[in-house]
Amino acid sequence: MAVGFLVDCFFYEIGRGDFLHSFFSTISYHLEPHGWGTKYPYLMKKLYYEKLPFSDVSKAKEEAIDIERQLQDMPPDKVIWDIDDLSKKPPWGENISPKVTNLANYFATNEGKTFFEVLYTALEVAEEDKCDVIIREL
């Protein structure tokens, strides 16, 4: 099953659900010392658990920019597969592309776009069209 960001009738595919959960787990583990959604509530709580209302898109974009900047300074071996079970590892182990140089570009779609690129596109469309953003599984 494919997971992605749904904005009105536009679906921006990310890939597998466990990979998306790893993306958010990595953010929370490394950047939110006081727990999930304490530093980045618009992405980590609203978008991940419910929906991101279009009125909060600009705040979510600010969070994404800050997160991406910080993850660029962290090596790929710091990935968190599942914050609820830190013993879990990615199914591919340490066998990753040499193009993956940090945690900001670790998470990518099958088409080679980073999750951040896909997220920014979805957020821009949501802002332009005044639509909410929802994570959906198709």
N, C-alpha and C. Protein backbone atom coordinates (compact mmCIF):
# COMPACT_ATOMS: atom_id res chain seq x y z
N MET A 1 0.82 -1.18 0.00
CA MET A 1 0.00 0.00 0.00
C MET A 1 0.87 1.26 0.00
N ALA A 2 0.53 2.18 -0.83
CA ALA A 2 1.26 3.45 -0.92
C ALA A 2 0.68 4.45 0.07
N VAL A 3 1.57 5.22 0.67
CA VAL A 3 1.20 6.28 1.61
C VAL A 3 1.70 7.59 1.04
N GLY A 4 0.94 8.64 1.29
CA GLY A 4 1.38 9.94 0.80
C GLY A 4 0.56 11.06 1.40
N PHE A 5 0.78 12.24 0.86
CA PHE A 5 0.07 13.44 1.31
C PHE A 5 -1.06 13.73 0.33
N LEU A 6 -2.26 13.85 0.86
CA LEU A 6 -3.43 14.13 0.05
C LEU A 6 -3.82 15.59 0.26
N VAL A 7 -3.88 16.32 -0.84
CA VAL A 7 -4.30 17.72 -0.83
C VAL A 7 -5.43 17.83 -1.85
N ASP A 8 -6.65 17.98 -1.35
CA ASP A 8 -7.82 17.98 -2.20
C ASP A 8 -7.84 16.69 -3.00
N CYS A 9 -7.69 16.75 -4.31
CA CYS A 9 -7.69 15.52 -5.12
C CYS A 9 -6.29 15.13 -5.57
N PHE A 10 -5.28 15.83 -5.08
CA PHE A 10 -3.89 15.55 -5.46
C PHE A 10 -3.23 14.66 -4.42
N PHE A 11 -2.61 13.58 -4.88
CA PHE A 11 -1.93 12.64 -3.99
C PHE A 11 -0.44 12.66 -4.29
N TYR A 12 0.35 12.96 -3.27
CA TYR A 12 1.80 13.03 -3.40
C TYR A 12 2.39 11.82 -2.68
N GLU A 13 2.73 10.81 -3.46
CA GLU A 13 3.14 9.53 -2.91
C GLU A 13 4.52 9.59 -2.26
N ILE A 14 4.59 8.97 -1.10
CA ILE A 14 5.85 8.84 -0.36
C ILE A 14 6.40 7.43 -0.53
N GLY A 15 5.55 6.45 -0.33
CA GLY A 15 6.00 5.05 -0.40
C GLY A 15 5.32 4.23 0.68
N ARG A 16 6.10 3.43 1.37
CA ARG A 16 5.57 2.53 2.40
C ARG A 16 5.29 3.28 3.70
N GLY A 17 4.28 2.82 4.41
CA GLY A 17 3.90 3.44 5.66
C GLY A 17 4.97 3.36 6.74
N ASP A 18 5.70 2.23 6.78
CA ASP A 18 6.73 2.11 7.80
C ASP A 18 7.90 3.07 7.53
N PHE A 19 8.15 3.37 6.27
CA PHE A 19 9.20 4.31 5.93
C PHE A 19 8.79 5.74 6.34
N LEU A 20 7.53 6.08 6.12
CA LEU A 20 7.03 7.39 6.55
C LEU A 20 7.08 7.49 8.08
N HIS A 21 6.70 6.42 8.76
CA HIS A 21 6.77 6.42 10.22
C HIS A 21 8.23 6.59 10.68
N SER A 22 9.16 5.99 9.97
CA SER A 22 10.57 6.15 10.30
C SER A 22 11.01 7.60 10.16
N PHE A 23 10.54 8.27 9.12
CA PHE A 23 10.83 9.69 8.91
C PHE A 23 10.41 10.50 10.13
N PHE A 24 9.18 10.32 10.56
CA PHE A 24 8.67 11.06 11.71
C PHE A 24 9.33 10.60 13.01
N SER A 25 9.61 9.31 13.13
CA SER A 25 10.31 8.79 14.31
C SER A 25 11.70 9.40 14.44
N THR A 26 12.40 9.51 13.32
CA THR A 26 13.74 10.09 13.32
C THR A 26 13.69 11.55 13.75
N ILE A 27 12.73 12.28 13.26
CA ILE A 27 12.58 13.69 13.63
C ILE A 27 12.34 13.80 15.13
N SER A 28 11.37 13.06 15.64
CA SER A 28 11.03 13.18 17.05
C SER A 28 12.19 12.75 17.94
N TYR A 29 12.81 11.62 17.62
CA TYR A 29 13.88 11.10 18.46
C TYR A 29 15.06 12.07 18.56
N HIS A 30 15.46 12.62 17.44
CA HIS A 30 16.65 13.46 17.43
C HIS A 30 16.39 14.94 17.72
N LEU A 31 15.20 15.43 17.41
CA LEU A 31 14.98 16.87 17.48
C LEU A 31 13.93 17.31 18.50
N GLU A 32 13.25 16.36 19.12
CA GLU A 32 12.23 16.71 20.11
C GLU A 32 12.53 16.02 21.44
N PRO A 33 13.44 16.57 22.21
CA PRO A 33 13.85 15.90 23.45
C PRO A 33 12.74 15.73 24.48
N HIS A 34 11.67 16.48 24.37
CA HIS A 34 10.57 16.38 25.34
C HIS A 34 9.40 15.57 24.81
N GLY A 35 9.58 14.86 23.70
CA GLY A 35 8.55 13.96 23.19
C GLY A 35 7.94 14.41 21.87
N TRP A 36 7.24 13.47 21.28
CA TRP A 36 6.63 13.62 19.96
C TRP A 36 5.72 14.84 19.90
N GLY A 37 6.02 15.74 18.99
CA GLY A 37 5.18 16.89 18.74
C GLY A 37 5.40 18.07 19.68
N THR A 38 6.36 17.97 20.58
CA THR A 38 6.57 19.06 21.54
C THR A 38 7.28 20.26 20.91
N LYS A 39 8.10 20.03 19.90
CA LYS A 39 8.79 21.13 19.23
C LYS A 39 8.17 21.46 17.88
N TYR A 40 7.63 20.46 17.21
CA TYR A 40 7.08 20.62 15.86
C TYR A 40 5.62 20.13 15.84
N PRO A 41 4.73 20.83 16.49
CA PRO A 41 3.35 20.34 16.62
C PRO A 41 2.55 20.30 15.31
N TYR A 42 2.88 21.17 14.37
CA TYR A 42 2.08 21.21 13.14
C TYR A 42 2.35 19.99 12.26
N LEU A 43 3.60 19.59 12.16
CA LEU A 43 3.92 18.40 11.36
C LEU A 43 3.73 17.11 12.16
N MET A 44 4.21 17.11 13.39
CA MET A 44 4.26 15.88 14.15
C MET A 44 2.93 15.48 14.78
N LYS A 45 2.11 16.45 15.10
CA LYS A 45 0.81 16.14 15.69
C LYS A 45 -0.31 16.32 14.68
N LYS A 46 -0.45 17.54 14.17
CA LYS A 46 -1.58 17.80 13.28
C LYS A 46 -1.49 16.96 12.01
N LEU A 47 -0.38 17.07 11.28
CA LEU A 47 -0.28 16.33 10.02
C LEU A 47 -0.23 14.82 10.26
N TYR A 48 0.62 14.38 11.16
CA TYR A 48 0.82 12.94 11.34
C TYR A 48 -0.42 12.24 11.89
N TYR A 49 -1.06 12.85 12.88
CA TYR A 49 -2.16 12.15 13.55
C TYR A 49 -3.55 12.53 13.07
N GLU A 50 -3.71 13.69 12.49
CA GLU A 50 -5.05 14.14 12.12
C GLU A 50 -5.04 14.67 10.69
N LYS A 51 -4.98 15.99 10.61
CA LYS A 51 -4.85 16.67 9.32
C LYS A 51 -4.22 18.02 9.61
N LEU A 52 -3.57 18.54 8.62
CA LEU A 52 -2.97 19.86 8.73
C LEU A 52 -3.90 20.83 8.03
N PRO A 53 -4.60 21.67 8.81
CA PRO A 53 -5.49 22.65 8.19
C PRO A 53 -4.69 23.64 7.34
N PHE A 54 -5.28 24.09 6.25
CA PHE A 54 -4.54 25.00 5.36
C PHE A 54 -4.12 26.28 6.08
N SER A 55 -4.85 26.65 7.13
CA SER A 55 -4.48 27.85 7.89
C SER A 55 -3.17 27.69 8.65
N ASP A 56 -2.71 26.45 8.83
CA ASP A 56 -1.46 26.18 9.54
C ASP A 56 -0.31 25.78 8.61
N VAL A 57 -0.53 25.83 7.32
CA VAL A 57 0.48 25.38 6.36
C VAL A 57 1.76 26.20 6.46
N SER A 58 1.66 27.51 6.60
CA SER A 58 2.88 28.32 6.66
C SER A 58 3.71 27.97 7.90
N LYS A 59 3.06 27.67 9.00
CA LYS A 59 3.79 27.26 10.21
C LYS A 59 4.45 25.90 10.00
N ALA A 60 3.75 25.00 9.33
CA ALA A 60 4.31 23.68 9.04
C ALA A 60 5.51 23.79 8.11
N LYS A 61 5.46 24.70 7.15
CA LYS A 61 6.61 24.91 6.26
C LYS A 61 7.82 25.40 7.04
N GLU A 62 7.61 26.29 7.98
CA GLU A 62 8.71 26.77 8.82
C GLU A 62 9.32 25.62 9.62
N GLU A 63 8.46 24.76 10.16
CA GLU A 63 8.95 23.60 10.89
C GLU A 63 9.77 22.69 9.97
N ALA A 64 9.26 22.43 8.78
CA ALA A 64 9.95 21.53 7.84
C ALA A 64 11.33 22.08 7.46
N ILE A 65 11.42 23.37 7.24
CA ILE A 65 12.70 23.99 6.90
C ILE A 65 13.70 23.81 8.04
N ASP A 66 13.25 24.04 9.27
CA ASP A 66 14.11 23.88 10.43
C ASP A 66 14.55 22.43 10.59
N ILE A 67 13.62 21.51 10.44
CA ILE A 67 13.92 20.08 10.56
C ILE A 67 14.93 19.65 9.51
N GLU A 68 14.68 20.02 8.26
CA GLU A 68 15.58 19.63 7.18
C GLU A 68 16.99 20.16 7.44
N ARG A 69 17.10 21.39 7.86
CA ARG A 69 18.41 22.00 8.13
C ARG A 69 19.16 21.19 9.20
N GLN A 70 18.47 20.81 10.25
CA GLN A 70 19.12 20.07 11.33
C GLN A 70 19.47 18.64 10.92
N LEU A 71 18.60 17.99 10.16
CA LEU A 71 18.89 16.62 9.74
C LEU A 71 20.04 16.55 8.75
N GLN A 72 20.34 17.65 8.07
CA GLN A 72 21.48 17.68 7.15
C GLN A 72 22.81 17.49 7.88
N ASP A 73 22.82 17.76 9.17
CA ASP A 73 24.04 17.62 9.96
C ASP A 73 24.17 16.27 10.64
N MET A 74 23.23 15.36 10.39
CA MET A 74 23.26 14.05 11.04
C MET A 74 23.52 12.95 10.03
N PRO A 75 24.44 12.03 10.35
CA PRO A 75 24.77 10.96 9.42
C PRO A 75 23.64 9.94 9.27
N PRO A 76 23.60 9.24 8.15
CA PRO A 76 22.52 8.28 7.88
C PRO A 76 22.42 7.15 8.90
N ASP A 77 23.52 6.81 9.55
CA ASP A 77 23.46 5.70 10.51
C ASP A 77 22.69 6.07 11.78
N LYS A 78 22.24 7.29 11.90
CA LYS A 78 21.44 7.74 13.05
C LYS A 78 19.94 7.60 12.80
N VAL A 79 19.55 6.95 11.70
CA VAL A 79 18.13 6.79 11.37
C VAL A 79 17.44 5.98 12.48
N ILE A 80 16.22 6.36 12.76
CA ILE A 80 15.38 5.64 13.71
C ILE A 80 14.26 5.00 12.90
N TRP A 81 14.20 3.68 12.94
CA TRP A 81 13.17 3.00 12.15
C TRP A 81 11.81 3.09 12.83
N ASP A 82 11.79 2.93 14.16
CA ASP A 82 10.52 2.97 14.87
C ASP A 82 10.78 3.48 16.29
N ILE A 83 10.32 4.67 16.58
CA ILE A 83 10.56 5.28 17.88
C ILE A 83 9.94 4.46 19.02
N ASP A 84 8.95 3.65 18.71
CA ASP A 84 8.30 2.83 19.73
C ASP A 84 9.05 1.53 20.00
N ASP A 85 9.97 1.18 19.11
CA ASP A 85 10.81 -0.01 19.29
C ASP A 85 12.17 0.28 18.66
N LEU A 86 13.06 0.83 19.47
CA LEU A 86 14.36 1.27 18.96
C LEU A 86 15.25 0.12 18.50
N SER A 87 14.87 -1.12 18.80
CA SER A 87 15.67 -2.26 18.33
C SER A 87 15.41 -2.55 16.85
N LYS A 88 14.31 -2.04 16.30
CA LYS A 88 13.99 -2.28 14.89
C LYS A 88 14.96 -1.51 13.99
N LYS A 89 15.33 -2.15 12.90
CA LYS A 89 16.25 -1.56 11.92
C LYS A 89 15.59 -1.58 10.54
N PRO A 90 16.04 -0.70 9.65
CA PRO A 90 15.48 -0.72 8.28
C PRO A 90 15.70 -2.09 7.64
N PRO A 91 14.76 -2.52 6.81
CA PRO A 91 14.88 -3.85 6.18
C PRO A 91 16.13 -4.00 5.32
N TRP A 92 16.68 -2.91 4.81
CA TRP A 92 17.89 -2.96 3.99
C TRP A 92 19.16 -2.82 4.81
N GLY A 93 19.00 -2.69 6.14
CA GLY A 93 20.16 -2.59 7.01
C GLY A 93 20.98 -1.34 6.71
N GLU A 94 22.27 -1.53 6.56
CA GLU A 94 23.17 -0.41 6.26
C GLU A 94 23.49 -0.30 4.78
N ASN A 95 22.82 -1.10 3.96
CA ASN A 95 23.04 -1.13 2.52
C ASN A 95 22.25 0.00 1.86
N ILE A 96 22.82 1.20 1.87
CA ILE A 96 22.14 2.37 1.31
C ILE A 96 22.97 2.97 0.18
N SER A 97 22.34 3.76 -0.63
CA SER A 97 23.01 4.41 -1.75
C SER A 97 24.09 5.36 -1.26
N PRO A 98 25.18 5.46 -2.01
CA PRO A 98 26.22 6.44 -1.64
C PRO A 98 25.73 7.88 -1.75
N LYS A 99 24.61 8.09 -2.42
CA LYS A 99 24.02 9.42 -2.53
C LYS A 99 23.40 9.89 -1.20
N VAL A 100 23.13 8.93 -0.33
CA VAL A 100 22.56 9.26 0.97
C VAL A 100 23.71 9.67 1.89
N THR A 101 23.75 10.95 2.20
CA THR A 101 24.87 11.48 2.97
C THR A 101 24.48 12.00 4.34
N ASN A 102 23.17 12.11 4.58
CA ASN A 102 22.70 12.61 5.87
C ASN A 102 21.23 12.20 6.05
N LEU A 103 20.67 12.53 7.20
CA LEU A 103 19.28 12.14 7.47
C LEU A 103 18.27 12.96 6.69
N ALA A 104 18.65 14.11 6.18
CA ALA A 104 17.71 14.91 5.37
C ALA A 104 17.46 14.27 4.01
N ASN A 105 18.48 13.62 3.46
CA ASN A 105 18.27 12.98 2.15
C ASN A 105 18.17 11.46 2.25
N TYR A 106 18.14 10.92 3.45
CA TYR A 106 17.97 9.48 3.66
C TYR A 106 16.59 9.02 3.17
N PHE A 107 15.60 9.82 3.44
CA PHE A 107 14.22 9.46 3.12
C PHE A 107 13.87 9.97 1.73
N ALA A 108 13.67 9.04 0.80
CA ALA A 108 13.38 9.40 -0.58
C ALA A 108 12.35 8.45 -1.17
N THR A 109 11.65 8.94 -2.17
CA THR A 109 10.65 8.13 -2.87
C THR A 109 11.33 7.24 -3.90
N ASN A 110 10.57 6.35 -4.49
CA ASN A 110 11.10 5.51 -5.56
C ASN A 110 11.52 6.33 -6.77
N GLU A 111 10.94 7.52 -6.92
CA GLU A 111 11.28 8.40 -8.04
C GLU A 111 12.53 9.23 -7.75
N GLY A 112 13.08 9.09 -6.55
CA GLY A 112 14.31 9.81 -6.21
C GLY A 112 14.13 11.17 -5.59
N LYS A 113 12.90 11.54 -5.28
CA LYS A 113 12.66 12.83 -4.60
C LYS A 113 12.74 12.59 -3.10
N THR A 114 13.33 13.56 -2.39
CA THR A 114 13.36 13.43 -0.94
C THR A 114 11.97 13.66 -0.39
N PHE A 115 11.73 13.14 0.81
CA PHE A 115 10.45 13.37 1.46
C PHE A 115 10.21 14.87 1.63
N PHE A 116 11.29 15.61 1.89
CA PHE A 116 11.13 17.06 2.04
C PHE A 116 10.65 17.70 0.74
N GLU A 117 11.18 17.28 -0.39
CA GLU A 117 10.72 17.83 -1.67
C GLU A 117 9.23 17.57 -1.88
N VAL A 118 8.80 16.35 -1.58
CA VAL A 118 7.40 15.98 -1.75
C VAL A 118 6.53 16.76 -0.76
N LEU A 119 6.99 16.85 0.48
CA LEU A 119 6.25 17.59 1.50
C LEU A 119 6.11 19.06 1.12
N TYR A 120 7.19 19.69 0.68
CA TYR A 120 7.11 21.10 0.28
C TYR A 120 6.13 21.30 -0.87
N THR A 121 6.13 20.40 -1.83
CA THR A 121 5.19 20.50 -2.94
C THR A 121 3.75 20.42 -2.44
N ALA A 122 3.48 19.44 -1.58
CA ALA A 122 2.13 19.29 -1.04
C ALA A 122 1.72 20.53 -0.24
N LEU A 123 2.64 21.07 0.54
CA LEU A 123 2.32 22.25 1.35
C LEU A 123 2.07 23.47 0.48
N GLU A 124 2.83 23.63 -0.59
CA GLU A 124 2.63 24.76 -1.49
C GLU A 124 1.28 24.69 -2.18
N VAL A 125 0.91 23.49 -2.63
CA VAL A 125 -0.40 23.33 -3.28
C VAL A 125 -1.52 23.58 -2.28
N ALA A 126 -1.34 23.09 -1.06
CA ALA A 126 -2.36 23.31 -0.02
C ALA A 126 -2.54 24.80 0.26
N GLU A 127 -1.43 25.52 0.30
CA GLU A 127 -1.49 26.95 0.55
C GLU A 127 -2.16 27.69 -0.61
N GLU A 128 -1.78 27.34 -1.83
CA GLU A 128 -2.36 28.00 -3.01
C GLU A 128 -3.85 27.72 -3.14
N ASP A 129 -4.23 26.45 -2.92
CA ASP A 129 -5.62 26.04 -3.12
C ASP A 129 -6.48 26.14 -1.86
N LYS A 130 -5.87 26.56 -0.75
CA LYS A 130 -6.56 26.66 0.53
C LYS A 130 -7.23 25.33 0.91
N CYS A 131 -6.40 24.29 0.89
CA CYS A 131 -6.87 22.94 1.23
C CYS A 131 -6.04 22.36 2.37
N ASP A 132 -6.66 21.46 3.12
CA ASP A 132 -5.96 20.77 4.19
C ASP A 132 -5.04 19.70 3.59
N VAL A 133 -4.07 19.26 4.39
CA VAL A 133 -3.17 18.18 4.00
C VAL A 133 -3.41 17.01 4.94
N ILE A 134 -3.56 15.84 4.36
CA ILE A 134 -3.85 14.63 5.13
C ILE A 134 -2.89 13.53 4.67
N ILE A 135 -2.41 12.74 5.61
CA ILE A 135 -1.64 11.55 5.24
C ILE A 135 -2.65 10.45 4.97
N ARG A 136 -2.54 9.83 3.81
CA ARG A 136 -3.46 8.78 3.41
C ARG A 136 -2.71 7.58 2.88
N GLU A 137 -3.36 6.44 3.02
CA GLU A 137 -2.85 5.20 2.44
C GLU A 137 -3.80 4.82 1.30
N LEU A 138 -3.23 4.58 0.15
CA LEU A 138 -4.05 4.19 -1.01
C LEU A 138 -3.81 2.74 -1.37
